[in-house]
Amino acid sequence: MATHGRRSQGDGRLIAELLRGQTTETAAKAAGVSLRTAYRRTADPGFQRELAAARTRALGRAVSVLVDSTHDAAHQLAWLASHAQQEAIQLAACRSILELSLKGTELLDLAERLTALEARVAAPAAPNGRAHVLR
């Protein structure tokens, strides 16, 4: 957000506190700005864009942690499906494996198809000067 002088002071801290789920009142106090200033900043479109971008980055980091854990989680599910002492646990693990495998396969297929469609749309026009038609 393009700011001048004192206006940007505390913005980073205010954003950090808001990302932590703090109320505007609590975030303002932690950022060392008045409540009126915090409300004014949170109403500013530039500040809102900066907050949204910070939220997206934070979510991206959280998703990366989860993605990094999927391999171990899949192995644990497979182990439970074959080694758990209780049949109910084995059944739940098997059901999870089947459901998640299907969902994952569908998502990967959709991603591949979307990539192919995007490539076709981005491709230059056909030699006859007409645009490609998606079928």
Protein backbone atom coordinates (compact mmCIF):
# COMPACT_ATOMS: atom_id res chain seq x y z
CA MET A 1 0.00 0.00 0.00
CA ALA A 2 1.45 3.35 -0.95
CA THR A 3 1.58 5.40 2.20
CA HIS A 4 3.35 8.51 3.30
CA GLY A 5 5.04 9.35 6.56
CA ARG A 6 3.44 8.24 9.80
CA ARG A 7 0.48 6.62 8.09
CA SER A 8 2.43 3.40 7.45
CA GLN A 9 3.77 3.14 10.98
CA GLY A 10 2.19 0.18 12.70
CA ASP A 11 0.58 -1.20 9.53
CA GLY A 12 2.75 -4.32 9.52
CA ARG A 13 2.08 -5.03 13.16
CA LEU A 14 -1.64 -4.30 12.72
CA ILE A 15 -1.78 -6.75 9.82
CA ALA A 16 0.13 -9.37 11.80
CA GLU A 17 -2.28 -9.08 14.72
CA LEU A 18 -5.33 -9.23 12.45
CA LEU A 19 -3.90 -12.36 10.80
CA ARG A 20 -3.62 -13.92 14.24
CA GLY A 21 -7.38 -13.49 14.55
CA GLN A 22 -7.27 -10.59 16.96
CA THR A 23 -10.16 -8.15 17.10
CA THR A 24 -9.52 -4.70 15.66
CA GLU A 25 -9.42 -3.34 19.22
CA THR A 26 -6.82 -5.84 20.40
CA ALA A 27 -4.81 -5.55 17.17
CA ALA A 28 -4.74 -1.76 17.47
CA LYS A 29 -3.45 -1.92 21.03
CA ALA A 30 -0.74 -4.45 20.08
CA ALA A 31 0.28 -2.39 17.04
CA GLY A 32 0.52 0.79 19.09
CA VAL A 33 -2.12 2.67 17.08
CA SER A 34 -5.37 4.22 18.19
CA LEU A 35 -8.60 2.36 17.66
CA ARG A 36 -9.80 5.15 15.36
CA THR A 37 -6.64 4.81 13.25
CA ALA A 38 -7.05 1.02 13.11
CA TYR A 39 -10.63 1.32 11.89
CA ARG A 40 -9.61 3.95 9.34
CA ARG A 41 -6.79 1.74 8.05
CA THR A 42 -8.93 -1.38 7.86
CA ALA A 43 -11.46 0.58 5.79
CA ASP A 44 -8.75 1.74 3.35
CA PRO A 45 -8.79 -0.30 0.07
CA GLY A 46 -4.99 -0.30 -0.13
CA PHE A 47 -4.68 -1.64 3.39
CA GLN A 48 -7.38 -4.23 2.64
CA ARG A 49 -5.37 -5.41 -0.40
CA GLU A 50 -2.22 -5.63 1.70
CA LEU A 51 -4.08 -7.57 4.39
CA ALA A 52 -5.57 -9.92 1.78
CA ALA A 53 -2.13 -10.51 0.25
CA ALA A 54 -0.66 -11.26 3.68
CA ARG A 55 -3.55 -13.62 4.41
CA THR A 56 -2.93 -15.42 1.11
CA ARG A 57 0.79 -15.78 1.90
CA ALA A 58 0.01 -17.13 5.39
CA LEU A 59 -2.49 -19.62 3.97
CA GLY A 60 0.04 -20.68 1.35
CA ARG A 61 2.59 -21.43 4.06
CA ALA A 62 0.03 -23.45 6.04
CA VAL A 63 -0.96 -25.45 2.96
CA SER A 64 2.71 -26.17 2.26
CA VAL A 65 3.06 -27.70 5.72
CA LEU A 66 0.00 -29.87 5.11
CA VAL A 67 1.18 -30.95 1.67
CA ASP A 68 4.55 -31.88 3.14
CA SER A 69 2.72 -34.18 5.59
CA THR A 70 0.56 -36.00 3.05
CA HIS A 71 3.14 -38.68 2.23
CA ASP A 72 3.49 -39.69 5.88
CA ALA A 73 -0.27 -39.53 6.40
CA ALA A 74 -0.91 -41.77 3.41
CA HIS A 75 1.60 -44.33 4.73
CA GLN A 76 -0.03 -44.21 8.17
CA LEU A 77 -3.46 -44.82 6.63
CA ALA A 78 -2.09 -47.76 4.64
CA TRP A 79 -0.49 -49.17 7.79
CA LEU A 80 -3.74 -48.81 9.76
CA ALA A 81 -5.70 -50.49 6.98
CA SER A 82 -3.55 -53.58 7.19
CA HIS A 83 -2.29 -53.67 10.79
CA ALA A 84 -4.86 -52.09 13.10
CA GLN A 85 -6.15 -54.44 15.79
CA GLN A 86 -9.77 -53.26 15.54
CA GLU A 87 -11.73 -53.96 12.39
CA ALA A 88 -13.54 -50.61 12.71
CA ILE A 89 -10.20 -48.80 12.45
CA GLN A 90 -9.18 -50.92 9.46
CA LEU A 91 -12.52 -50.21 7.78
CA ALA A 92 -12.23 -46.45 8.43
CA ALA A 93 -8.67 -46.41 7.06
CA CYS A 94 -9.66 -48.38 3.96
CA ARG A 95 -12.65 -46.10 3.37
CA SER A 96 -10.45 -43.02 3.74
CA ILE A 97 -7.88 -44.42 1.32
CA LEU A 98 -10.54 -45.12 -1.29
CA GLU A 99 -12.31 -41.76 -0.89
CA LEU A 100 -9.14 -39.69 -0.85
CA SER A 101 -7.63 -41.60 -3.77
CA LEU A 102 -10.71 -40.91 -5.88
CA LYS A 103 -10.79 -37.23 -4.92
CA GLY A 104 -7.08 -36.87 -5.61
CA THR A 105 -7.37 -38.58 -8.97
CA GLU A 106 -10.29 -36.32 -9.94
CA LEU A 107 -8.41 -33.20 -8.90
CA LEU A 108 -5.28 -34.19 -10.81
CA ASP A 109 -7.37 -35.00 -13.89
CA LEU A 110 -9.18 -31.65 -13.70
CA ALA A 111 -5.88 -29.81 -13.26
CA GLU A 112 -4.42 -31.51 -16.34
CA ARG A 113 -7.52 -30.75 -18.39
CA LEU A 114 -7.56 -27.12 -17.26
CA THR A 115 -3.88 -26.74 -18.15
CA ALA A 116 -4.57 -28.16 -21.62
CA LEU A 117 -7.51 -25.78 -22.12
CA GLU A 118 -5.46 -22.79 -20.97
CA ALA A 119 -2.70 -23.75 -23.41
CA ARG A 120 -5.19 -23.96 -26.26
CA VAL A 121 -6.69 -20.58 -25.43
CA ALA A 122 -3.24 -19.00 -25.18
CA ALA A 123 -2.05 -20.55 -28.47
CA PRO A 124 -1.74 -18.22 -31.46
CA ALA A 125 -4.52 -18.14 -34.03
CA ALA A 126 -4.71 -20.86 -36.68
CA PRO A 127 -2.96 -20.21 -40.03
CA ASN A 128 -6.31 -19.28 -41.61
CA GLY A 129 -6.52 -16.34 -39.18
CA ARG A 130 -9.42 -17.75 -37.20
CA ALA A 131 -9.24 -18.35 -33.49
CA HIS A 132 -9.13 -21.91 -32.20
CA VAL A 133 -12.50 -23.22 -31.13
CA LEU A 134 -12.69 -25.24 -27.92
CA ARG A 135 -14.68 -28.44 -28.31
